Amino acid sequence: MKVGVYYKNSDVRVEERPAPPVTDHSIVVKVMACGLCGSDLLEWYRIKRAPLVLGHEPAGVVVETGKLVTNVKPGDRVFVTHHVPCNACYHCLSGHETACTTFQTKNNFEPGGFSQFLLVKGRSVKTGTFVLPDSVSFEQATFIEPLGTAVRAMRTVALKPAQSVLVCGSGVAGLLLIKLARAMGAGNIIATDLSSFRLEKAKAFGANHTITADQDVPTFVRSINDGRLADVVILCAGAIPAAKTALASAERGGTILFFAVPKPGETVDVDFNPFWRDDITIKTCYGAAPLDNMQALDLIRHNTVTVTDMVTHRFGINEINEAFKTGARPDGCMKIVIEPNR
């Protein structure tokens, strides 16, 4: 079978590998579509483990199941996730499933979603495999995990109807959060980015106002939000200036969510006195648990959050190097979908 092997962002090679053999507790999926995630393009994050096969947003058809697998069968159309929690540890039982050691360290894909066939094993077979309704296409299904992270983010900030929301960074994650905030009845939604293309999409997908990220964002927010800063601020970009903007843009009693963070070793000096005095909450959010993905699937199947309008590029497995190069350029590109078996 063909796989896309990541060496660095500008060097992703098509290589041949044997198709993975099924075991008693595993399944083999023929991958029909797999999204290229923004985290796949974080070279500092990926290159230390290269070479490897990436792709953690795959959807396809089950072609083989182990003899002890009972929850799916050959022919089922599925979406699968590579990281799932143990559902038994202290962190899982206290509602912090993505802090679970099993979630953070166990990869249940072999080799990865950017391959023609994928072995799904371990807890991902039962906990991370979702049978797709007929109404949900493979392409739509590639959004289940990224939308699931947005669902978890909104649960973390406990967004209330009519609250104002500032999204700092309008990549795919930021755009999904804008769509979800609009679906949840948010009031003013303000989006920032350095790309005019992304800001145009943010406006089309539900933002009331947009501003280039290198301008005075807090002053702009006050000017269009009845003199107040944002009730909810969500950081969706890892750049230090974006983090500083987020920290300066929350209204008294508001919440700042670090959905994205700067690189390891990069720090931001913070005077916590104003946050303490003004009752501003700072939170973080990482990944998506199975419940988040289940809810994301429902949002997609009922068209509460539309996703197909976010796909700008589709590539076959032989074009995967071009896919990564395209994804590294923000203008003119939103979601990229790899179709390994087209």
Protein backbone atom coordinates (compact mmCIF):
# COMPACT_ATOMS: atom_id res chain seq x y z
CA MET A 1 0.00 0.00 0.00
CA LYS A 2 1.04 3.63 -0.44
CA VAL A 3 1.74 5.85 2.56
CA GLY A 4 2.79 9.48 2.95
CA VAL A 5 5.90 9.62 5.12
CA TYR A 6 6.66 12.93 6.84
CA TYR A 7 10.32 14.01 7.04
CA LYS A 8 9.64 17.74 7.27
CA ASN A 9 7.00 20.13 5.96
CA SER A 10 8.72 20.45 2.59
CA ASP A 11 9.59 16.75 2.34
CA VAL A 12 6.70 14.29 2.55
CA ARG A 13 7.40 11.17 0.49
CA VAL A 14 5.15 8.53 -1.01
CA GLU A 15 6.48 5.12 0.02
CA GLU A 16 5.30 1.53 -0.24
CA ARG A 17 4.62 -0.55 2.86
CA PRO A 18 2.88 -3.85 3.49
CA ALA A 19 -0.80 -3.56 4.38
CA PRO A 20 -1.20 -3.97 8.15
CA PRO A 21 -2.36 -7.43 9.29
CA VAL A 22 -5.45 -7.61 11.49
CA THR A 23 -5.23 -9.05 15.01
CA ASP A 24 -7.96 -10.42 17.28
CA HIS A 25 -8.87 -7.04 18.76
CA SER A 26 -8.12 -4.71 15.81
CA ILE A 27 -9.75 -3.55 12.59
CA VAL A 28 -8.41 -2.54 9.18
CA VAL A 29 -9.94 0.52 7.53
CA LYS A 30 -9.62 1.51 3.89
CA VAL A 31 -9.01 5.24 4.23
CA MET A 32 -11.24 7.27 1.92
CA ALA A 33 -10.50 10.73 3.35
CA CYS A 34 -8.23 12.19 6.01
CA GLY A 35 -7.95 15.83 6.98
CA LEU A 36 -4.63 17.64 7.16
CA CYS A 37 -4.64 19.21 10.63
CA GLY A 38 -2.85 22.42 11.53
CA SER A 39 -0.88 20.44 14.11
CA ASP A 40 0.48 18.26 11.27
CA LEU A 41 2.12 21.41 9.95
CA LEU A 42 3.80 22.37 13.24
CA GLU A 43 7.29 21.38 12.16
CA TRP A 44 8.85 21.95 15.59
CA TYR A 45 6.29 19.53 17.02
CA ARG A 46 6.51 16.82 14.35
CA ILE A 47 10.09 16.78 13.11
CA LYS A 48 11.55 15.37 16.34
CA ARG A 49 9.71 12.10 15.64
CA ALA A 50 10.26 12.01 11.88
CA PRO A 51 10.11 10.02 9.72
CA LEU A 52 6.51 9.07 10.47
CA VAL A 53 3.10 8.72 8.86
CA LEU A 54 0.76 11.44 10.09
CA GLY A 55 -3.00 11.81 9.75
CA HIS A 56 -5.39 11.63 12.71
CA GLU A 57 -8.68 12.67 11.06
CA PRO A 58 -9.42 9.59 8.89
CA ALA A 59 -12.70 8.23 7.63
CA GLY A 60 -13.18 5.12 5.55
CA VAL A 61 -14.63 1.65 5.20
CA VAL A 62 -13.94 -1.28 7.51
CA VAL A 63 -12.47 -4.05 5.36
CA GLU A 64 -11.44 -6.53 8.04
CA THR A 65 -12.10 -7.11 11.73
CA GLY A 66 -10.42 -9.25 14.34
CA LYS A 67 -12.36 -12.28 15.51
CA LEU A 68 -13.02 -10.70 18.91
CA VAL A 69 -14.34 -7.37 17.54
CA THR A 70 -18.13 -7.03 17.86
CA ASN A 71 -18.95 -3.32 17.58
CA VAL A 72 -18.22 -2.92 13.84
CA LYS A 73 -18.22 -5.19 10.81
CA PRO A 74 -16.72 -5.19 7.30
CA GLY A 75 -18.52 -2.67 5.10
CA ASP A 76 -19.24 -0.20 7.90
CA ARG A 77 -18.42 3.42 7.08
CA VAL A 78 -16.50 4.81 10.06
CA PHE A 79 -14.51 7.66 11.51
CA VAL A 80 -11.73 6.66 13.91
CA THR A 81 -9.59 8.52 16.44
CA HIS A 82 -6.06 7.58 17.41
CA HIS A 83 -6.05 8.87 21.00
CA VAL A 84 -8.69 7.84 23.53
CA PRO A 85 -8.73 8.02 27.34
CA CYS A 86 -8.71 5.03 29.66
CA ASN A 87 -12.00 6.11 31.32
CA ALA A 88 -10.80 4.70 34.63
CA CYS A 89 -8.04 6.94 36.00
CA TYR A 90 -8.43 9.90 38.36
CA HIS A 91 -8.25 12.41 35.53
CA CYS A 92 -10.88 10.66 33.40
CA LEU A 93 -13.25 10.26 36.31
CA SER A 94 -12.89 13.94 37.23
CA GLY A 95 -13.78 15.11 33.71
CA HIS A 96 -10.27 15.76 32.41
CA GLU A 97 -10.10 12.91 29.90
CA THR A 98 -7.55 14.59 27.64
CA ALA A 99 -5.15 14.88 30.58
CA CYS A 100 -5.25 11.07 30.90
CA THR A 101 -1.83 9.45 30.50
CA THR A 102 -3.29 6.84 28.16
CA PHE A 103 -4.82 9.58 25.98
CA GLN A 104 -1.57 11.51 25.78
CA THR A 105 0.86 8.64 25.22
CA LYS A 106 -0.92 5.78 23.43
CA ASN A 107 -1.20 5.95 19.64
CA ASN A 108 -3.66 3.36 18.35
CA PHE A 109 -3.07 3.89 14.61
CA GLU A 110 -0.69 1.95 12.40
CA PRO A 111 0.80 3.60 10.46
CA GLY A 112 -1.39 6.77 10.27
CA GLY A 113 -4.30 8.27 8.38
CA PHE A 114 -2.18 9.32 5.38
CA SER A 115 -2.12 5.75 4.11
CA GLN A 116 -4.36 3.62 1.94
CA PHE A 117 -5.12 1.20 4.77
CA LEU A 118 -5.08 1.82 8.50
CA LEU A 119 -4.86 -0.61 11.41
CA VAL A 120 -6.92 0.61 14.36
CA LYS A 121 -6.12 -1.15 17.61
CA GLY A 122 -6.36 -0.91 21.38
CA ARG A 123 -9.07 1.21 22.98
CA SER A 124 -9.66 3.09 19.73
CA VAL A 125 -11.57 0.11 18.33
CA LYS A 126 -14.40 0.39 20.86
CA THR A 127 -14.06 3.91 22.22
CA GLY A 128 -12.74 5.78 19.19
CA THR A 129 -14.57 4.19 16.25
CA PHE A 130 -17.81 5.86 15.15
CA VAL A 131 -20.13 4.34 12.56
CA LEU A 132 -21.22 7.09 10.18
CA PRO A 133 -24.84 7.80 9.28
CA ASP A 134 -25.56 7.51 5.56
CA SER A 135 -26.12 11.26 5.45
CA VAL A 136 -22.52 12.05 6.54
CA SER A 137 -19.89 11.84 3.81
CA PHE A 138 -16.31 10.73 4.37
CA GLU A 139 -15.19 14.32 3.78
CA GLN A 140 -17.61 15.64 6.40
CA ALA A 141 -16.42 12.96 8.80
CA THR A 142 -12.85 14.27 8.67
CA PHE A 143 -14.14 17.26 10.64
CA ILE A 144 -15.43 15.20 13.59
CA GLU A 145 -12.20 15.38 15.57
CA PRO A 146 -11.39 19.06 14.90
CA LEU A 147 -14.98 20.07 15.61
CA GLY A 148 -14.82 17.87 18.71
CA THR A 149 -11.95 20.01 20.01
CA ALA A 150 -14.12 23.09 19.45
CA VAL A 151 -17.00 21.44 21.33
CA ARG A 152 -14.69 20.78 24.25
CA ALA A 153 -13.45 24.37 24.11
CA MET A 154 -16.97 25.77 24.33
CA ARG A 155 -17.77 23.46 27.22
CA THR A 156 -14.62 24.69 28.96
CA VAL A 157 -15.57 28.36 28.67
CA ALA A 158 -19.27 27.66 29.33
CA LEU A 159 -20.35 30.06 26.60
CA LYS A 160 -23.73 31.66 27.28
CA PRO A 161 -26.12 33.09 24.69
CA ALA A 162 -25.45 36.72 23.72
CA GLN A 163 -21.94 36.75 25.19
CA SER A 164 -19.29 38.45 23.06
CA VAL A 165 -16.49 36.25 21.74
CA LEU A 166 -13.06 37.22 20.43
CA VAL A 167 -11.26 34.54 18.40
CA CYS A 168 -7.55 35.31 18.02
CA GLY A 169 -6.46 33.39 14.93
CA SER A 170 -8.77 32.39 12.08
CA GLY A 171 -7.27 29.18 10.82
CA VAL A 172 -9.43 26.06 10.58
CA ALA A 173 -9.76 25.75 14.37
CA GLY A 174 -10.66 29.40 14.76
CA LEU A 175 -13.21 29.20 11.96
CA LEU A 176 -14.85 26.12 13.49
CA LEU A 177 -15.06 27.94 16.82
CA ILE A 178 -16.70 30.91 15.08
CA LYS A 179 -19.25 28.61 13.44
CA LEU A 180 -19.96 26.86 16.73
CA ALA A 181 -20.20 30.12 18.69
CA ARG A 182 -22.72 31.40 16.17
CA ALA A 183 -24.72 28.17 16.43
CA MET A 184 -24.73 28.50 20.23
CA GLY A 185 -26.21 32.00 20.12
CA ALA A 186 -23.17 34.13 20.84
CA GLY A 187 -23.58 37.89 20.57
CA ASN A 188 -20.77 39.89 18.99
CA ILE A 189 -18.16 37.59 17.45
CA ILE A 190 -14.86 39.27 16.59
CA ALA A 191 -12.08 37.52 14.65
CA THR A 192 -8.42 38.40 14.20
CA ASP A 193 -5.75 37.13 11.84
CA LEU A 194 -2.88 38.46 9.74
CA SER A 195 -4.38 36.96 6.57
CA SER A 196 -7.06 38.95 4.76
CA PHE A 197 -8.26 35.69 3.15
CA ARG A 198 -8.89 34.12 6.55
CA LEU A 199 -10.61 37.24 7.82
CA GLU A 200 -12.95 37.18 4.83
CA LYS A 201 -13.82 33.57 5.65
CA ALA A 202 -14.33 34.43 9.31
CA LYS A 203 -16.88 37.05 8.29
CA ALA A 204 -18.60 34.62 5.93
CA PHE A 205 -18.77 31.93 8.64
CA GLY A 206 -20.36 34.03 11.35
CA ALA A 207 -18.03 36.72 12.69
CA ASN A 208 -19.69 40.11 13.09
CA HIS A 209 -16.41 42.00 12.94
CA THR A 210 -12.82 41.30 11.89
CA ILE A 211 -9.54 43.08 12.49
CA THR A 212 -5.98 42.49 11.37
CA ALA A 213 -4.08 40.96 14.27
CA ASP A 214 -1.25 43.51 14.25
CA GLN A 215 -3.64 46.39 15.03
CA ASP A 216 -4.88 47.56 18.45
CA VAL A 217 -7.36 44.76 19.03
CA PRO A 218 -8.58 45.69 22.56
CA THR A 219 -9.43 49.24 21.48
CA PHE A 220 -11.27 47.91 18.43
CA VAL A 221 -13.26 45.44 20.53
CA ARG A 222 -14.38 48.22 22.87
CA SER A 223 -15.40 50.37 19.91
CA ILE A 224 -17.87 47.79 18.56
CA ASN A 225 -18.90 46.12 21.81
CA ASP A 226 -20.60 48.90 23.80
CA GLY A 227 -17.34 49.99 25.39
CA ARG A 228 -16.57 46.54 26.79
CA LEU A 229 -13.88 44.01 26.03
CA ALA A 230 -14.88 40.44 25.11
CA ASP A 231 -16.70 38.16 27.53
CA VAL A 232 -14.86 35.16 26.07
CA VAL A 233 -11.44 35.28 24.40
CA ILE A 234 -10.15 32.18 22.61
CA LEU A 235 -6.53 32.03 21.50
CA CYS A 236 -6.20 29.94 18.33
CA ALA A 237 -2.70 30.99 17.27
CA GLY A 238 0.60 30.07 18.87
CA ALA A 239 2.41 33.35 18.17
CA ILE A 240 3.54 35.35 21.21
CA PRO A 241 1.86 38.58 19.97
CA ALA A 242 -1.44 36.72 19.67
CA ALA A 243 -1.11 35.44 23.24
CA LYS A 244 -0.44 38.97 24.47
CA THR A 245 -3.48 40.24 22.58
CA ALA A 246 -5.68 37.55 24.13
CA LEU A 247 -4.50 38.40 27.63
CA ALA A 248 -5.32 42.08 27.06
CA SER A 249 -8.78 41.59 25.56
CA ALA A 250 -11.04 40.05 28.23
CA GLU A 251 -13.76 42.03 29.98
CA ARG A 252 -14.02 42.04 33.76
CA GLY A 253 -15.53 38.73 34.80
CA GLY A 254 -14.58 37.26 31.44
CA THR A 255 -12.71 34.13 30.41
CA ILE A 256 -9.56 33.64 28.33
CA LEU A 257 -9.05 30.20 26.80
CA PHE A 258 -5.66 29.04 25.56
CA PHE A 259 -6.87 26.70 22.82
CA ALA A 260 -3.46 27.12 21.16
CA VAL A 261 -0.22 27.91 22.97
CA PRO A 262 3.24 29.26 22.07
CA LYS A 263 6.10 26.89 21.34
CA PRO A 264 7.79 25.06 24.25
CA GLY A 265 10.27 27.38 25.92
CA GLU A 266 8.49 30.53 24.74
CA THR A 267 7.06 32.48 27.63
CA VAL A 268 4.83 35.49 28.15
CA ASP A 269 5.35 37.81 31.09
CA VAL A 270 2.05 38.22 32.91
CA ASP A 271 1.13 40.62 35.70
CA PHE A 272 -1.63 38.63 37.40
CA ASN A 273 -2.83 41.51 39.53
CA PRO A 274 -5.36 42.83 36.97
CA PHE A 275 -6.75 39.34 36.39
CA TRP A 276 -7.16 38.83 40.13
CA ARG A 277 -8.74 42.23 40.64
CA ASP A 278 -11.08 41.99 37.66
CA ASP A 279 -12.14 38.38 38.24
CA ILE A 280 -10.83 37.19 34.86
CA THR A 281 -10.47 33.45 34.42
CA ILE A 282 -7.63 31.91 32.38
CA LYS A 283 -8.20 28.37 31.13
CA THR A 284 -6.65 25.83 28.78
CA CYS A 285 -8.14 23.18 26.52
CA TYR A 286 -6.44 20.25 24.80
CA GLY A 287 -7.83 17.70 22.38
CA ALA A 288 -11.23 16.02 22.23
CA ALA A 289 -12.62 13.15 24.27
CA PRO A 290 -15.06 10.57 22.82
CA LEU A 291 -18.09 12.50 24.10
CA ASP A 292 -16.86 15.63 22.33
CA ASN A 293 -16.51 13.70 19.08
CA MET A 294 -19.97 12.15 19.46
CA GLN A 295 -21.47 15.60 19.86
CA ALA A 296 -19.46 16.91 16.91
CA LEU A 297 -20.85 14.11 14.74
CA ASP A 298 -24.39 15.10 15.75
CA LEU A 299 -23.69 18.75 14.95
CA ILE A 300 -22.49 17.73 11.48
CA ARG A 301 -25.25 15.24 10.70
CA HIS A 302 -27.96 17.77 11.59
CA ASN A 303 -26.19 20.60 9.70
CA THR A 304 -26.05 22.64 12.89
CA VAL A 305 -22.45 23.30 11.94
CA THR A 306 -21.70 23.00 8.23
CA VAL A 307 -18.19 21.96 7.31
CA THR A 308 -17.97 21.18 3.60
CA ASP A 309 -17.69 24.88 2.78
CA MET A 310 -14.32 24.87 4.56
CA VAL A 311 -12.62 22.41 2.21
CA THR A 312 -10.48 24.27 -0.32
CA HIS A 313 -8.14 21.53 -1.54
CA ARG A 314 -8.26 17.78 -2.12
CA PHE A 315 -5.20 15.68 -2.93
CA GLY A 316 -4.50 12.03 -3.67
CA ILE A 317 -1.77 10.18 -1.81
CA ASN A 318 0.67 10.74 -4.70
CA GLU A 319 0.26 14.50 -4.22
CA ILE A 320 0.76 14.58 -0.46
CA ASN A 321 4.00 16.57 -0.61
CA GLU A 322 2.15 19.32 -2.49
CA ALA A 323 -0.65 19.10 0.08
CA PHE A 324 1.75 19.93 2.92
CA LYS A 325 3.34 22.77 0.94
CA THR A 326 -0.13 24.17 0.22
CA GLY A 327 -1.18 23.89 3.87
CA ALA A 328 1.85 25.87 4.98
CA ARG A 329 0.59 28.87 2.99
CA PRO A 330 -2.37 30.50 4.75
CA ASP A 331 -3.74 32.58 1.87
CA GLY A 332 -6.20 30.76 -0.34
CA CYS A 333 -6.22 27.65 1.83
CA MET A 334 -8.46 26.41 4.63
CA LYS A 335 -9.06 22.69 5.03
CA ILE A 336 -7.07 20.19 3.01
CA VAL A 337 -8.37 16.65 2.60
CA ILE A 338 -6.19 13.74 1.52
CA GLU A 339 -7.97 10.96 -0.42
CA PRO A 340 -5.52 8.02 -0.33
CA ASN A 341 -7.63 5.65 -2.44
CA ARG A 342 -9.03 7.91 -5.12
